[in-house]
Amino acid sequence: MRDLFWTEDKIVKAQKLWQEGLSARQIAELFGSKKNTVINMAHRNRDRFPPRQDPRKTLAVAGEAPAPISHPDRVRRVTLSGAEVTMPRVPTIDGPAP
């Protein structure tokens, strides 16, 4: 059987470094391993390595949508796929600008 890289002593040391704010890459350099080995070990020991990012924040409830901006030199068209796009006004097709 292979010797395990992450012994209990190394996990405790990595936990202290994690709490001090070192990145997974910095911890890996200190232990002579790779960043993903630290990340995987932290994932397996989630109770010791709390997430550093805030949980997803809920989006604020939007009020009224702002009025669309009207450009006199552009015209709104609908493509064959149904998408609405704005394109430059072509006087021979769209007539003169209002």
PDB file of N, CA and C in Angstrom:
ATOM      1  N   MET A   1       0.837  -1.180   0.000  1.00  0.00           N
ATOM      2  CA  MET A   1       0.000   0.000   0.000  1.00  0.00           C
ATOM      3  C   MET A   1       0.884   1.247   0.000  1.00  0.00           C
ATOM      4  N   ARG A   2       0.422   2.277  -0.675  1.00  0.00           N
ATOM      5  CA  ARG A   2       1.169   3.524  -0.745  1.00  0.00           C
ATOM      6  C   ARG A   2       1.077   4.287   0.565  1.00  0.00           C
ATOM      7  N   ASP A   3       2.134   4.969   0.926  1.00  0.00           N
ATOM      8  CA  ASP A   3       2.070   5.835   2.103  1.00  0.00           C
ATOM      9  C   ASP A   3       1.204   7.043   1.771  1.00  0.00           C
ATOM     10  N   LEU A   4       0.390   7.445   2.704  1.00  0.00           N
ATOM     11  CA  LEU A   4      -0.474   8.595   2.485  1.00  0.00           C
ATOM     12  C   LEU A   4       0.335   9.883   2.604  1.00  0.00           C
ATOM     13  N   PHE A   5       0.081  10.803   1.713  1.00  0.00           N
ATOM     14  CA  PHE A   5       0.789  12.084   1.737  1.00  0.00           C
ATOM     15  C   PHE A   5       0.266  12.940   2.886  1.00  0.00           C
ATOM     16  N   TRP A   6      -1.061  12.959   3.055  1.00  0.00           N
ATOM     17  CA  TRP A   6      -1.672  13.816   4.066  1.00  0.00           C
ATOM     18  C   TRP A   6      -1.808  13.063   5.382  1.00  0.00           C
ATOM     19  N   THR A   7      -0.807  13.202   6.216  1.00  0.00           N
ATOM     20  CA  THR A   7      -0.878  12.640   7.559  1.00  0.00           C
ATOM     21  C   THR A   7      -1.664  13.618   8.438  1.00  0.00           C
ATOM     22  N   GLU A   8      -2.033  13.186   9.611  1.00  0.00           N
ATOM     23  CA  GLU A   8      -2.797  14.048  10.511  1.00  0.00           C
ATOM     24  C   GLU A   8      -2.011  15.304  10.876  1.00  0.00           C
ATOM     25  N   ASP A   9      -0.701  15.170  11.050  1.00  0.00           N
ATOM     26  CA  ASP A   9       0.125  16.338  11.381  1.00  0.00           C
ATOM     27  C   ASP A   9       0.109  17.368  10.255  1.00  0.00           C
ATOM     28  N   LYS A  10       0.230  16.900   9.026  1.00  0.00           N
ATOM     29  CA  LYS A  10       0.215  17.816   7.884  1.00  0.00           C
ATOM     30  C   LYS A  10      -1.145  18.481   7.736  1.00  0.00           C
ATOM     31  N   ILE A  11      -2.220  17.735   7.998  1.00  0.00           N
ATOM     32  CA  ILE A  11      -3.561  18.316   7.890  1.00  0.00           C
ATOM     33  C   ILE A  11      -3.744  19.422   8.926  1.00  0.00           C
ATOM     34  N   VAL A  12      -3.254  19.196  10.152  1.00  0.00           N
ATOM     35  CA  VAL A  12      -3.361  20.214  11.200  1.00  0.00           C
ATOM     36  C   VAL A  12      -2.553  21.456  10.819  1.00  0.00           C
ATOM     37  N   LYS A  13      -1.338  21.268  10.283  1.00  0.00           N
ATOM     38  CA  LYS A  13      -0.521  22.409   9.853  1.00  0.00           C
ATOM     39  C   LYS A  13      -1.201  23.164   8.711  1.00  0.00           C
ATOM     40  N   ALA A  14      -1.759  22.411   7.753  1.00  0.00           N
ATOM     41  CA  ALA A  14      -2.449  23.045   6.630  1.00  0.00           C
ATOM     42  C   ALA A  14      -3.681  23.795   7.117  1.00  0.00           C
ATOM     43  N   GLN A  15      -4.360  23.248   8.113  1.00  0.00           N
ATOM     44  CA  GLN A  15      -5.545  23.912   8.665  1.00  0.00           C
ATOM     45  C   GLN A  15      -5.163  25.261   9.268  1.00  0.00           C
ATOM     46  N   LYS A  16      -4.050  25.306  10.006  1.00  0.00           N
ATOM     47  CA  LYS A  16      -3.600  26.567  10.604  1.00  0.00           C
ATOM     48  C   LYS A  16      -3.246  27.579   9.516  1.00  0.00           C
ATOM     49  N   LEU A  17      -2.562  27.117   8.477  1.00  0.00           N
ATOM     50  CA  LEU A  17      -2.191  28.018   7.375  1.00  0.00           C
ATOM     51  C   LEU A  17      -3.429  28.518   6.643  1.00  0.00           C
ATOM     52  N   TRP A  18      -4.411  27.644   6.485  1.00  0.00           N
ATOM     53  CA  TRP A  18      -5.671  28.004   5.812  1.00  0.00           C
ATOM     54  C   TRP A  18      -6.379  29.091   6.609  1.00  0.00           C
ATOM     55  N   GLN A  19      -6.394  28.939   7.931  1.00  0.00           N
ATOM     56  CA  GLN A  19      -7.065  29.925   8.781  1.00  0.00           C
ATOM     57  C   GLN A  19      -6.316  31.248   8.808  1.00  0.00           C
ATOM     58  N   GLU A  20      -5.013  31.206   8.570  1.00  0.00           N
ATOM     59  CA  GLU A  20      -4.226  32.437   8.496  1.00  0.00           C
ATOM     60  C   GLU A  20      -4.458  33.169   7.176  1.00  0.00           C
ATOM     61  N   GLY A  21      -5.084  32.508   6.227  1.00  0.00           N
ATOM     62  CA  GLY A  21      -5.416  33.165   4.969  1.00  0.00           C
ATOM     63  C   GLY A  21      -4.508  32.818   3.809  1.00  0.00           C
ATOM     64  N   LEU A  22      -3.622  31.841   3.963  1.00  0.00           N
ATOM     65  CA  LEU A  22      -2.768  31.454   2.849  1.00  0.00           C
ATOM     66  C   LEU A  22      -3.608  30.763   1.781  1.00  0.00           C
ATOM     67  N   SER A  23      -3.220  30.936   0.539  1.00  0.00           N
ATOM     68  CA  SER A  23      -3.943  30.306  -0.561  1.00  0.00           C
ATOM     69  C   SER A  23      -3.543  28.836  -0.671  1.00  0.00           C
ATOM     70  N   ALA A  24      -4.325  28.088  -1.413  1.00  0.00           N
ATOM     71  CA  ALA A  24      -4.031  26.672  -1.618  1.00  0.00           C
ATOM     72  C   ALA A  24      -2.681  26.511  -2.311  1.00  0.00           C
ATOM     73  N   ARG A  25      -2.363  27.409  -3.211  1.00  0.00           N
ATOM     74  CA  ARG A  25      -1.076  27.345  -3.913  1.00  0.00           C
ATOM     75  C   ARG A  25       0.086  27.570  -2.959  1.00  0.00           C
ATOM     76  N   GLN A  26      -0.053  28.543  -2.047  1.00  0.00           N
ATOM     77  CA  GLN A  26       1.009  28.821  -1.093  1.00  0.00           C
ATOM     78  C   GLN A  26       1.202  27.645  -0.131  1.00  0.00           C
ATOM     79  N   ILE A  27       0.093  27.048   0.303  1.00  0.00           N
ATOM     80  CA  ILE A  27       0.188  25.889   1.194  1.00  0.00           C
ATOM     81  C   ILE A  27       0.865  24.736   0.468  1.00  0.00           C
ATOM     82  N   ALA A  28       0.505  24.535  -0.795  1.00  0.00           N
ATOM     83  CA  ALA A  28       1.098  23.447  -1.577  1.00  0.00           C
ATOM     84  C   ALA A  28       2.609  23.640  -1.731  1.00  0.00           C
ATOM     85  N   GLU A  29       3.041  24.876  -1.953  1.00  0.00           N
ATOM     86  CA  GLU A  29       4.477  25.127  -2.087  1.00  0.00           C
ATOM     87  C   GLU A  29       5.218  24.805  -0.788  1.00  0.00           C
ATOM     88  N   LEU A  30       4.594  25.099   0.342  1.00  0.00           N
ATOM     89  CA  LEU A  30       5.238  24.796   1.634  1.00  0.00           C
ATOM     90  C   LEU A  30       5.362  23.292   1.864  1.00  0.00           C
ATOM     91  N   PHE A  31       4.383  22.524   1.390  1.00  0.00           N
ATOM     92  CA  PHE A  31       4.403  21.080   1.598  1.00  0.00           C
ATOM     93  C   PHE A  31       5.064  20.322   0.452  1.00  0.00           C
ATOM     94  N   GLY A  32       5.410  21.014  -0.619  1.00  0.00           N
ATOM     95  CA  GLY A  32       6.033  20.348  -1.758  1.00  0.00           C
ATOM     96  C   GLY A  32       5.046  19.514  -2.547  1.00  0.00           C
ATOM     97  N   SER A  33       3.808  19.991  -2.659  1.00  0.00           N
ATOM     98  CA  SER A  33       2.795  19.272  -3.429  1.00  0.00           C
ATOM     99  C   SER A  33       2.191  20.227  -4.451  1.00  0.00           C
ATOM    100  N   LYS A  34       1.054  19.855  -4.981  1.00  0.00           N
ATOM    101  CA  LYS A  34       0.387  20.699  -5.969  1.00  0.00           C
ATOM    102  C   LYS A  34      -0.868  21.303  -5.367  1.00  0.00           C
ATOM    103  N   LYS A  35      -1.316  22.385  -5.991  1.00  0.00           N
ATOM    104  CA  LYS A  35      -2.482  23.117  -5.496  1.00  0.00           C
ATOM    105  C   LYS A  35      -3.708  22.226  -5.395  1.00  0.00           C
ATOM    106  N   ASN A  36      -3.935  21.385  -6.386  1.00  0.00           N
ATOM    107  CA  ASN A  36      -5.139  20.553  -6.381  1.00  0.00           C
ATOM    108  C   ASN A  36      -5.120  19.506  -5.276  1.00  0.00           C
ATOM    109  N   THR A  37      -3.950  19.065  -4.846  1.00  0.00           N
ATOM    110  CA  THR A  37      -3.920  18.121  -3.724  1.00  0.00           C
ATOM    111  C   THR A  37      -4.390  18.803  -2.446  1.00  0.00           C
ATOM    112  N   VAL A  38      -4.036  20.080  -2.288  1.00  0.00           N
ATOM    113  CA  VAL A  38      -4.498  20.832  -1.115  1.00  0.00           C
ATOM    114  C   VAL A  38      -6.003  21.057  -1.198  1.00  0.00           C
ATOM    115  N   ILE A  39      -6.484  21.416  -2.376  1.00  0.00           N
ATOM    116  CA  ILE A  39      -7.914  21.660  -2.550  1.00  0.00           C
ATOM    117  C   ILE A  39      -8.707  20.383  -2.296  1.00  0.00           C
ATOM    118  N   ASN A  40      -8.243  19.253  -2.812  1.00  0.00           N
ATOM    119  CA  ASN A  40      -8.942  17.984  -2.592  1.00  0.00           C
ATOM    120  C   ASN A  40      -8.923  17.594  -1.118  1.00  0.00           C
ATOM    121  N   MET A  41      -7.804  17.794  -0.449  1.00  0.00           N
ATOM    122  CA  MET A  41      -7.734  17.476   0.975  1.00  0.00           C
ATOM    123  C   MET A  41      -8.676  18.375   1.762  1.00  0.00           C
ATOM    124  N   ALA A  42      -8.740  19.655   1.417  1.00  0.00           N
ATOM    125  CA  ALA A  42      -9.647  20.576   2.100  1.00  0.00           C
ATOM    126  C   ALA A  42     -11.100  20.184   1.843  1.00  0.00           C
ATOM    127  N   HIS A  43     -11.374  19.704   0.654  1.00  0.00           N
ATOM    128  CA  HIS A  43     -12.730  19.264   0.319  1.00  0.00           C
ATOM    129  C   HIS A  43     -13.114  18.027   1.132  1.00  0.00           C
ATOM    130  N   ARG A  44     -12.174  17.121   1.320  1.00  0.00           N
ATOM    131  CA  ARG A  44     -12.460  15.916   2.110  1.00  0.00           C
ATOM    132  C   ARG A  44     -12.614  16.234   3.590  1.00  0.00           C
ATOM    133  N   ASN A  45     -11.984  17.307   4.046  1.00  0.00           N
ATOM    134  CA  ASN A  45     -12.057  17.706   5.454  1.00  0.00           C
ATOM    135  C   ASN A  45     -12.780  19.044   5.582  1.00  0.00           C
ATOM    136  N   ARG A  46     -14.000  19.108   5.073  1.00  0.00           N
ATOM    137  CA  ARG A  46     -14.736  20.374   5.036  1.00  0.00           C
ATOM    138  C   ARG A  46     -14.983  20.959   6.418  1.00  0.00           C
ATOM    139  N   ASP A  47     -15.103  20.100   7.414  1.00  0.00           N
ATOM    140  CA  ASP A  47     -15.353  20.618   8.751  1.00  0.00           C
ATOM    141  C   ASP A  47     -14.151  21.405   9.287  1.00  0.00           C
ATOM    142  N   ARG A  48     -12.957  21.107   8.830  1.00  0.00           N
ATOM    143  CA  ARG A  48     -11.752  21.815   9.270  1.00  0.00           C
ATOM    144  C   ARG A  48     -11.414  23.004   8.370  1.00  0.00           C
ATOM    145  N   PHE A  49     -11.842  22.959   7.127  1.00  0.00           N
ATOM    146  CA  PHE A  49     -11.496  23.984   6.143  1.00  0.00           C
ATOM    147  C   PHE A  49     -12.772  24.672   5.661  1.00  0.00           C
ATOM    148  N   PRO A  50     -13.219  25.699   6.382  1.00  0.00           N
ATOM    149  CA  PRO A  50     -14.456  26.365   5.978  1.00  0.00           C
ATOM    150  C   PRO A  50     -14.270  27.112   4.655  1.00  0.00           C
ATOM    151  N   PRO A  51     -15.349  27.268   3.897  1.00  0.00           N
ATOM    152  CA  PRO A  51     -15.226  27.997   2.629  1.00  0.00           C
ATOM    153  C   PRO A  51     -14.853  29.454   2.879  1.00  0.00           C
ATOM    154  N   ARG A  52     -14.105  30.019   1.957  1.00  0.00           N
ATOM    155  CA  ARG A  52     -13.658  31.401   2.117  1.00  0.00           C
ATOM    156  C   ARG A  52     -14.566  32.383   1.418  1.00  0.00           C
ATOM    157  N   GLN A  53     -15.361  31.898   0.499  1.00  0.00           N
ATOM    158  CA  GLN A  53     -16.253  32.793  -0.234  1.00  0.00           C
ATOM    159  C   GLN A  53     -17.585  32.877   0.484  1.00  0.00           C
ATOM    160  N   ASP A  54     -18.232  34.011   0.345  1.00  0.00           N
ATOM    161  CA  ASP A  54     -19.569  34.158   0.905  1.00  0.00           C
ATOM    162  C   ASP A  54     -20.523  33.286   0.112  1.00  0.00           C
ATOM    163  N   PRO A  55     -21.559  32.760   0.766  1.00  0.00           N
ATOM    164  CA  PRO A  55     -22.542  32.005  -0.010  1.00  0.00           C
ATOM    165  C   PRO A  55     -23.209  32.922  -1.022  1.00  0.00           C
ATOM    166  N   ARG A  56     -23.834  32.319  -1.991  1.00  0.00           N
ATOM    167  CA  ARG A  56     -24.461  33.131  -3.040  1.00  0.00           C
ATOM    168  C   ARG A  56     -25.438  34.122  -2.451  1.00  0.00           C
ATOM    169  N   LYS A  57     -25.339  35.333  -2.907  1.00  0.00           N
ATOM    170  CA  LYS A  57     -26.226  36.382  -2.427  1.00  0.00           C
ATOM    171  C   LYS A  57     -27.457  36.415  -3.322  1.00  0.00           C
ATOM    172  N   THR A  58     -28.605  36.676  -2.720  1.00  0.00           N
ATOM    173  CA  THR A  58     -29.821  36.777  -3.514  1.00  0.00           C
ATOM    174  C   THR A  58     -29.802  38.108  -4.260  1.00  0.00           C
ATOM    175  N   LEU A  59     -30.346  38.092  -5.427  1.00  0.00           N
ATOM    176  CA  LEU A  59     -30.393  39.301  -6.232  1.00  0.00           C
ATOM    177  C   LEU A  59     -31.422  40.254  -5.665  1.00  0.00           C
ATOM    178  N   ALA A  60     -31.133  41.515  -5.760  1.00  0.00           N
ATOM    179  CA  ALA A  60     -32.079  42.523  -5.290  1.00  0.00           C
ATOM    180  C   ALA A  60     -33.302  42.533  -6.200  1.00  0.00           C
ATOM    181  N   VAL A  61     -34.427  42.794  -5.610  1.00  0.00           N
ATOM    182  CA  VAL A  61     -35.659  42.846  -6.391  1.00  0.00           C
ATOM    183  C   VAL A  61     -35.603  44.086  -7.276  1.00  0.00           C
ATOM    184  N   ALA A  62     -35.781  43.876  -8.549  1.00  0.00           N
ATOM    185  CA  ALA A  62     -35.684  44.976  -9.509  1.00  0.00           C
ATOM    186  C   ALA A  62     -36.969  45.784  -9.515  1.00  0.00           C
ATOM    187  N   GLY A  63     -36.823  47.071  -9.641  1.00  0.00           N
ATOM    188  CA  GLY A  63     -37.975  47.955  -9.757  1.00  0.00           C
ATOM    189  C   GLY A  63     -38.422  47.989 -11.215  1.00  0.00           C
ATOM    190  N   GLU A  64     -38.893  49.122 -11.621  1.00  0.00           N
ATOM    191  CA  GLU A  64     -39.320  49.268 -13.013  1.00  0.00           C
ATOM    192  C   GLU A  64     -38.099  49.269 -13.932  1.00  0.00           C
ATOM    193  N   ALA A  65     -38.276  48.666 -15.088  1.00  0.00           N
ATOM    194  CA  ALA A  65     -37.195  48.641 -16.066  1.00  0.00           C
ATOM    195  C   ALA A  65     -37.016  50.036 -16.643  1.00  0.00           C
ATOM    196  N   PRO A  66     -35.782  50.449 -16.878  1.00  0.00           N
ATOM    197  CA  PRO A  66     -35.574  51.774 -17.464  1.00  0.00           C
ATOM    198  C   PRO A  66     -36.110  51.812 -18.891  1.00  0.00           C
ATOM    199  N   ALA A  67     -36.494  52.985 -19.308  1.00  0.00           N
ATOM    200  CA  ALA A  67     -37.020  53.155 -20.660  1.00  0.00           C
ATOM    201  C   ALA A  67     -35.904  52.889 -21.663  1.00  0.00           C
ATOM    202  N   PRO A  68     -36.229  52.220 -22.770  1.00  0.00           N
ATOM    203  CA  PRO A  68     -35.188  51.952 -23.773  1.00  0.00           C
ATOM    204  C   PRO A  68     -34.686  53.253 -24.387  1.00  0.00           C
ATOM    205  N   ILE A  69     -33.408  53.270 -24.714  1.00  0.00           N
ATOM    206  CA  ILE A  69     -32.790  54.449 -25.311  1.00  0.00           C
ATOM    207  C   ILE A  69     -33.099  54.446 -26.796  1.00  0.00           C
ATOM    208  N   SER A  70     -33.543  55.576 -27.286  1.00  0.00           N
ATOM    209  CA  SER A  70     -33.894  55.693 -28.702  1.00  0.00           C
ATOM    210  C   SER A  70     -32.788  56.448 -29.430  1.00  0.00           C
ATOM    211  N   HIS A  71     -32.269  55.824 -30.476  1.00  0.00           N
ATOM    212  CA  HIS A  71     -31.238  56.454 -31.297  1.00  0.00           C
ATOM    213  C   HIS A  71     -31.848  56.740 -32.664  1.00  0.00           C
ATOM    214  N   PRO A  72     -31.832  58.006 -33.092  1.00  0.00           N
ATOM    215  CA  PRO A  72     -32.455  58.326 -34.384  1.00  0.00           C
ATOM    216  C   PRO A  72     -31.725  57.726 -35.581  1.00  0.00           C
ATOM    217  N   ASP A  73     -30.443  57.409 -35.436  1.00  0.00           N
ATOM    218  CA  ASP A  73     -29.683  56.869 -36.562  1.00  0.00           C
ATOM    219  C   ASP A  73     -29.685  55.344 -36.578  1.00  0.00           C
ATOM    220  N   ARG A  74     -30.471  54.707 -35.688  1.00  0.00           N
ATOM    221  CA  ARG A  74     -30.541  53.246 -35.652  1.00  0.00           C
ATOM    222  C   ARG A  74     -31.997  52.826 -35.710  1.00  0.00           C
ATOM    223  N   VAL A  75     -32.219  51.627 -36.189  1.00  0.00           N
ATOM    224  CA  VAL A  75     -33.572  51.093 -36.302  1.00  0.00           C
ATOM    225  C   VAL A  75     -33.585  49.681 -35.706  1.00  0.00           C
ATOM    226  N   ARG A  76     -34.714  49.303 -35.134  1.00  0.00           N
ATOM    227  CA  ARG A  76     -34.843  47.987 -34.498  1.00  0.00           C
ATOM    228  C   ARG A  76     -35.429  47.011 -35.520  1.00  0.00           C
ATOM    229  N   ARG A  77     -34.805  45.845 -35.634  1.00  0.00           N
ATOM    230  CA  ARG A  77     -35.273  44.820 -36.569  1.00  0.00           C
ATOM    231  C   ARG A  77     -35.388  43.492 -35.830  1.00  0.00           C
ATOM    232  N   VAL A  78     -36.185  42.579 -36.396  1.00  0.00           N
ATOM    233  CA  VAL A  78     -36.338  41.237 -35.859  1.00  0.00           C
ATOM    234  C   VAL A  78     -35.739  40.282 -36.875  1.00  0.00           C
ATOM    235  N   THR A  79     -34.797  39.434 -36.413  1.00  0.00           N
ATOM    236  CA  THR A  79     -34.134  38.503 -37.319  1.00  0.00           C
ATOM    237  C   THR A  79     -35.030  37.297 -37.579  1.00  0.00           C
ATOM    238  N   LEU A  80     -34.603  36.422 -38.490  1.00  0.00           N
ATOM    239  CA  LEU A  80     -35.377  35.230 -38.795  1.00  0.00           C
ATOM    240  C   LEU A  80     -35.509  34.306 -37.580  1.00  0.00           C
ATOM    241  N   SER A  81     -34.519  34.335 -36.696  1.00  0.00           N
ATOM    242  CA  SER A  81     -34.580  33.497 -35.498  1.00  0.00           C
ATOM    243  C   SER A  81     -35.443  34.118 -34.411  1.00  0.00           C
ATOM    244  N   GLY A  82     -35.897  35.354 -34.610  1.00  0.00           N
ATOM    245  CA  GLY A  82     -36.764  36.001 -33.637  1.00  0.00           C
ATOM    246  C   GLY A  82     -36.052  36.943 -32.695  1.00  0.00           C
ATOM    247  N   ALA A  83     -34.763  37.113 -32.859  1.00  0.00           N
ATOM    248  CA  ALA A  83     -34.012  38.006 -31.986  1.00  0.00           C
ATOM    249  C   ALA A  83     -34.205  39.444 -32.436  1.00  0.00           C
ATOM    250  N   GLU A  84     -34.325  40.338 -31.460  1.00  0.00           N
ATOM    251  CA  GLU A  84     -34.435  41.760 -31.784  1.00  0.00           C
ATOM    252  C   GLU A  84     -33.045  42.375 -31.751  1.00  0.00           C
ATOM    253  N   VAL A  85     -32.694  43.073 -32.827  1.00  0.00           N
ATOM    254  CA  VAL A  85     -31.386  43.711 -32.923  1.00  0.00           C
ATOM    255  C   VAL A  85     -31.574  45.143 -33.379  1.00  0.00           C
ATOM    256  N   THR A  86     -30.591  45.985 -33.080  1.00  0.00           N
ATOM    257  CA  THR A  86     -30.606  47.344 -33.611  1.00  0.00           C
ATOM    258  C   THR A  86     -29.532  47.437 -34.673  1.00  0.00           C
ATOM    259  N   MET A  87     -29.896  48.114 -35.745  1.00  0.00           N
ATOM    260  CA  MET A  87     -28.980  48.241 -36.883  1.00  0.00           C
ATOM    261  C   MET A  87     -28.967  49.691 -37.339  1.00  0.00           C
ATOM    262  N   PRO A  88     -27.934  50.088 -38.057  1.00  0.00           N
ATOM    263  CA  PRO A  88     -27.922  51.452 -38.586  1.00  0.00           C
ATOM    264  C   PRO A  88     -29.085  51.661 -39.553  1.00  0.00           C
ATOM    265  N   ARG A  89     -29.637  52.857 -39.497  1.00  0.00           N
ATOM    266  CA  ARG A  89     -30.758  53.195 -40.388  1.00  0.00           C
ATOM    267  C   ARG A  89     -30.245  53.298 -41.831  1.00  0.00           C
ATOM    268  N   VAL A  90     -30.976  52.664 -42.755  1.00  0.00           N
ATOM    269  CA  VAL A  90     -30.666  52.743 -44.175  1.00  0.00           C
ATOM    270  C   VAL A  90     -31.736  53.614 -44.813  1.00  0.00           C
ATOM    271  N   PRO A  91     -31.379  54.827 -45.253  1.00  0.00           N
ATOM    272  CA  PRO A  91     -32.412  55.761 -45.740  1.00  0.00           C
ATOM    273  C   PRO A  91     -33.240  55.212 -46.903  1.00  0.00           C
ATOM    274  N   THR A  92     -32.664  54.386 -47.766  1.00  0.00           N
ATOM    275  CA  THR A  92     -33.427  53.894 -48.896  1.00  0.00           C
ATOM    276  C   THR A  92     -34.450  52.825 -48.469  1.00  0.00           C
ATOM    277  N   ILE A  93     -34.235  52.191 -47.324  1.00  0.00           N
ATOM    278  CA  ILE A  93     -35.155  51.179 -46.838  1.00  0.00           C
ATOM    279  C   ILE A  93     -36.073  51.751 -45.751  1.00  0.00           C
ATOM    280  N   ASP A  94     -35.476  52.462 -44.795  1.00  0.00           N
ATOM    281  CA  ASP A  94     -36.222  52.931 -43.628  1.00  0.00           C
ATOM    282  C   ASP A  94     -36.771  54.343 -43.780  1.00  0.00           C
ATOM    283  N   GLY A  95     -36.403  55.057 -44.800  1.00  0.00           N
ATOM    284  CA  GLY A  95     -36.850  56.426 -44.952  1.00  0.00           C
ATOM    285  C   GLY A  95     -35.948  57.368 -44.185  1.00  0.00           C
ATOM    286  N   PRO A  96     -36.212  58.633 -44.228  1.00  0.00           N
ATOM    287  CA  PRO A  96     -35.361  59.599 -43.526  1.00  0.00           C
ATOM    288  C   PRO A  96     -35.529  59.483 -42.007  1.00  0.00           C
ATOM    289  N   ALA A  97     -34.540  59.954 -41.288  1.00  0.00           N
ATOM    290  CA  ALA A  97     -34.571  59.904 -39.816  1.00  0.00           C
ATOM    291  C   ALA A  97     -35.700  60.799 -39.318  1.00  0.00           C
ATOM    292  N   PRO A  98     -36.385  60.374 -38.276  1.00  0.00           N
ATOM    293  CA  PRO A  98     -37.508  61.183 -37.763  1.00  0.00           C
ATOM    294  C   PRO A  98     -37.078  62.468 -37.108  1.00  0.00           C
TER     295      PRO A  98
END
